[in-house]
């Protein structure tokens, strides 16, 4: 008998409260030669190891008895639901059966958006980043103000800064037209970030899918969890570490500043303070469109990478070595500290940077996703259902 059910689908069903679905999974699994510990590991990642071993001892699989009865599976599922939180696993094949054209639809829409405005690539990568760092990769950043929602868009590090919402809304509309109620806004953000990188010559990576959308917003968390252009190295290392990202991954992700632009208000102090960690000629050219007076030219833009502002390469790191980082939070990565060697390595090898950046983006996409029956699949990305 052939069972056409993936481990991801098993986990999603097992972690729901649909008992008919659970029984169906149990019946299907009853003909699969699999040990109880293996089932537990596949289904619920938060189940204690000791419990898994205990369940395995109670219902072992052997060469004489290779099959687990559906009753045992069902009891195990009941035990799991009663005693431990569940998480379905993300999978790159999550929509293969339910919406096979989802990824190609997103890719085409992102290519179109970036071809119209190259800066949009940086904006969409940043949008995914700012989403994941506030209560996880759950599309909470896309929610508008409402009677029950205080939008993260109003947070100091987001207001008049994050952009690209209309692009995501357009992508969602296109995906909804072919697969209503299937693809989450959180997954669209993750895929859009990858496709944006590719559109400007950057690396690609396999995006894991299966996130669901939040029904809450994290405005109060945004100020504490998002990095600031004023942050020093220790603050950045600590902040990224709190999200499960190490120092090397922090430097790699900072390399996304090889594309995009920044507002005068974010780099005014750096270019006018005559500090020793900024190239004098570079500071002089930046002052032309960013006067010293606050309120004068605050929203004037400057490229984060003056040399190749629209190409995803490793020139950002070369700039740092030359003391030409536009933001203070950029230059601290190469200022006599522990990350100098990483910056130097990336400046010499575009391939190393690209590989590390891709891996870090995958890891960032794993920050506290909503899965299984948690959250929802929004009909519109800017509002809960």
Foldseek 3Di string as FASTA:
>chain_A
DDDPADLLNLQLQLQAPPLVSQLVSLQSQQPPQDAQLVNCVSHFVFPDPVVSVVLRVVFPADPVRRGGHSVSSSVVSVVCNVPHHGFRDFALCQCVPQQVCLLVLLLVLLLVVCVVPLQVLLLLLVQQLLCCLFLHLALQQQADDDPAADHLCPAPCRPVNRDDSVSLQVSLVVSCVRRNFDAASSQSSLSSNQSSQVSQAAAHARATDFFHHAQYHRNVCSVVQDDALPDAPVSQQVSVVVQVDHPLLSLLQVLSLLAHKDFLLQQLCVLPVPDPLADVVLSVVVCVQRPNDPPRRRGPIDRQQNPCHSHSWLVNLVCLVVSNGRGPHSVSCCDPDDNNVSSVVCNVDRVVSRVSNRVSSNSSNPRNGHHNPHHGRASGSHHRD
